[in-house]
Structures are given as C-alpha cells and as structure tokens.
C-alpha cells in the first residue's frame, strides 16, 4: 500500500486505491466459491497445508524478484524532477 502511495501520481491515487480495494474485496467471495465445494472433496487440513505451501513459494518468488525489490527503493530527488 505504501509503494502504491509513493509511486502513483497524486491525481490518480484515489482511482488506483479504489480499484485496488475492489480487487481485494472480490477475493473472499471467489475463494469461498472455489474452496467451499473443494472442502467437501478434500480434507480441510490438506487444503490449509497446500495453500500455505503455495503462499510460501509465491513469497520466495516475489522476494527474489529484482523488479519488485527495486520498486521499494526510495526515489532520488534528481529522478523525481525529471518526471
């Protein structure tokens, strides 16, 4: 959220945060539609374990991404003046 606030131009910030919130809000109903019926087929314990494993793998991939790591670096004042 902080990166969004720092990187998005102030005139677009409200729109971007609104879309970000809408996309985040749709996750719960979609997850319930997908994992609810799946919980009847597969045990809940294994669902929690496998989704945790997938989250750990995604975390390692995102942490090792040079593009994402460089996005968190502070903007140098000279670069900000050029834009």
C-alpha atoms as a PDB file:
ATOM      1  CA  UNK A   1       0.000   0.000   0.000  1.00  0.00           C
ATOM      2  CA  UNK A   2       2.866   2.329   0.813  1.00  0.00           C
ATOM      3  CA  UNK A   3       4.517   1.617  -2.539  1.00  0.00           C
ATOM      4  CA  UNK A   4       1.275   2.482  -4.310  1.00  0.00           C
ATOM      5  CA  UNK A   5       1.027   5.768  -2.444  1.00  0.00           C
ATOM      6  CA  UNK A   6       4.635   6.637  -3.257  1.00  0.00           C
ATOM      7  CA  UNK A   7       4.713   5.557  -6.912  1.00  0.00           C
ATOM      8  CA  UNK A   8       1.294   6.653  -8.213  1.00  0.00           C
ATOM      9  CA  UNK A   9       0.794  10.251  -9.264  1.00  0.00           C
ATOM     10  CA  UNK A  10      -1.370  12.159  -6.742  1.00  0.00           C
ATOM     11  CA  UNK A  11      -4.102  12.915  -9.292  1.00  0.00           C
ATOM     12  CA  UNK A  12      -4.607   9.169  -9.921  1.00  0.00           C
ATOM     13  CA  UNK A  13      -4.119   7.920  -6.367  1.00  0.00           C
ATOM     14  CA  UNK A  14      -7.814   7.813  -5.438  1.00  0.00           C
ATOM     15  CA  UNK A  15      -8.712   5.858  -8.552  1.00  0.00           C
ATOM     16  CA  UNK A  16      -5.871   3.400  -8.151  1.00  0.00           C
ATOM     17  CA  UNK A  17      -6.651   2.765  -4.486  1.00  0.00           C
ATOM     18  CA  UNK A  18     -10.340   2.271  -5.326  1.00  0.00           C
ATOM     19  CA  UNK A  19      -9.522  -0.360  -7.947  1.00  0.00           C
ATOM     20  CA  UNK A  20      -7.021  -1.984  -5.577  1.00  0.00           C
ATOM     21  CA  UNK A  21      -9.684  -2.182  -2.858  1.00  0.00           C
ATOM     22  CA  UNK A  22     -12.279  -3.594  -5.270  1.00  0.00           C
ATOM     23  CA  UNK A  23      -9.894  -6.305  -6.445  1.00  0.00           C
ATOM     24  CA  UNK A  24      -9.017  -7.164  -2.855  1.00  0.00           C
ATOM     25  CA  UNK A  25     -12.675  -7.331  -1.861  1.00  0.00           C
ATOM     26  CA  UNK A  26     -13.556  -9.809  -4.584  1.00  0.00           C
ATOM     27  CA  UNK A  27     -11.037 -12.338  -3.233  1.00  0.00           C
ATOM     28  CA  UNK A  28     -13.180 -13.580  -0.354  1.00  0.00           C
ATOM     29  CA  UNK A  29     -16.315 -14.461  -2.361  1.00  0.00           C
ATOM     30  CA  UNK A  30     -14.275 -16.065  -5.147  1.00  0.00           C
ATOM     31  CA  UNK A  31     -12.281 -18.050  -2.597  1.00  0.00           C
ATOM     32  CA  UNK A  32     -15.482 -19.237  -0.940  1.00  0.00           C
ATOM     33  CA  UNK A  33     -16.893 -20.306  -4.309  1.00  0.00           C
ATOM     34  CA  UNK A  34     -13.745 -22.265  -5.089  1.00  0.00           C
ATOM     35  CA  UNK A  35     -12.636 -23.670  -1.732  1.00  0.00           C
ATOM     36  CA  UNK A  36     -16.109 -24.235  -0.234  1.00  0.00           C
ATOM     37  CA  UNK A  37     -17.058 -27.119  -2.506  1.00  0.00           C
ATOM     38  CA  UNK A  38     -13.443 -28.293  -2.552  1.00  0.00           C
ATOM     39  CA  UNK A  39     -13.619 -28.662   1.249  1.00  0.00           C
ATOM     40  CA  UNK A  40     -16.258 -31.354   0.753  1.00  0.00           C
ATOM     41  CA  UNK A  41     -13.940 -33.340  -1.508  1.00  0.00           C
ATOM     42  CA  UNK A  42     -10.514 -32.769   0.081  1.00  0.00           C
ATOM     43  CA  UNK A  43      -9.831 -32.522   3.813  1.00  0.00           C
ATOM     44  CA  UNK A  44      -9.590 -29.010   5.244  1.00  0.00           C
ATOM     45  CA  UNK A  45      -6.205 -29.832   6.809  1.00  0.00           C
ATOM     46  CA  UNK A  46      -4.656 -30.651   3.445  1.00  0.00           C
ATOM     47  CA  UNK A  47      -6.219 -27.525   1.883  1.00  0.00           C
ATOM     48  CA  UNK A  48      -4.635 -25.352   4.579  1.00  0.00           C
ATOM     49  CA  UNK A  49      -1.268 -27.073   4.202  1.00  0.00           C
ATOM     50  CA  UNK A  50      -1.166 -26.827   0.399  1.00  0.00           C
ATOM     51  CA  UNK A  51      -2.368 -23.233   0.237  1.00  0.00           C
ATOM     52  CA  UNK A  52       0.276 -22.373   2.852  1.00  0.00           C
ATOM     53  CA  UNK A  53       2.953 -24.079   0.764  1.00  0.00           C
ATOM     54  CA  UNK A  54       1.827 -22.158  -2.332  1.00  0.00           C
ATOM     55  CA  UNK A  55       1.889 -18.885  -0.391  1.00  0.00           C
ATOM     56  CA  UNK A  56       5.430 -19.592   0.818  1.00  0.00           C
ATOM     57  CA  UNK A  57       6.579 -20.363  -2.719  1.00  0.00           C
ATOM     58  CA  UNK A  58       4.980 -17.174  -4.038  1.00  0.00           C
ATOM     59  CA  UNK A  59       6.584 -15.205  -1.215  1.00  0.00           C
ATOM     60  CA  UNK A  60      10.020 -16.541  -2.129  1.00  0.00           C
ATOM     61  CA  UNK A  61       9.445 -15.766  -5.812  1.00  0.00           C
ATOM     62  CA  UNK A  62       8.307 -12.217  -5.049  1.00  0.00           C
ATOM     63  CA  UNK A  63      11.142 -11.674  -2.567  1.00  0.00           C
ATOM     64  CA  UNK A  64      13.723 -12.807  -5.121  1.00  0.00           C
ATOM     65  CA  UNK A  65      12.294 -10.600  -7.896  1.00  0.00           C
ATOM     66  CA  UNK A  66      14.737  -7.799  -8.644  1.00  0.00           C
ATOM     67  CA  UNK A  67      11.977  -5.679 -10.179  1.00  0.00           C
ATOM     68  CA  UNK A  68       9.849  -5.793  -7.031  1.00  0.00           C
ATOM     69  CA  UNK A  69      12.830  -5.202  -4.761  1.00  0.00           C
ATOM     70  CA  UNK A  70      13.898  -2.165  -6.780  1.00  0.00           C
ATOM     71  CA  UNK A  71      10.349  -0.784  -6.606  1.00  0.00           C
ATOM     72  CA  UNK A  72      10.762  -0.363  -2.858  1.00  0.00           C
ATOM     73  CA  UNK A  73      13.880   1.764  -3.126  1.00  0.00           C
ATOM     74  CA  UNK A  74      13.487   5.484  -2.444  1.00  0.00           C
ATOM     75  CA  UNK A  75      13.271   7.773  -5.456  1.00  0.00           C
ATOM     76  CA  UNK A  76      16.287  10.029  -5.876  1.00  0.00           C
ATOM     77  CA  UNK A  77      15.323  13.717  -5.983  1.00  0.00           C
ATOM     78  CA  UNK A  78      17.015  14.274  -9.379  1.00  0.00           C
ATOM     79  CA  UNK A  79      14.961  11.458 -10.951  1.00  0.00           C
ATOM     80  CA  UNK A  80      11.747  12.840  -9.482  1.00  0.00           C
ATOM     81  CA  UNK A  81      12.447  16.261 -11.021  1.00  0.00           C
ATOM     82  CA  UNK A  82      12.898  14.711 -14.490  1.00  0.00           C
ATOM     83  CA  UNK A  83       9.405  13.190 -14.448  1.00  0.00           C
END
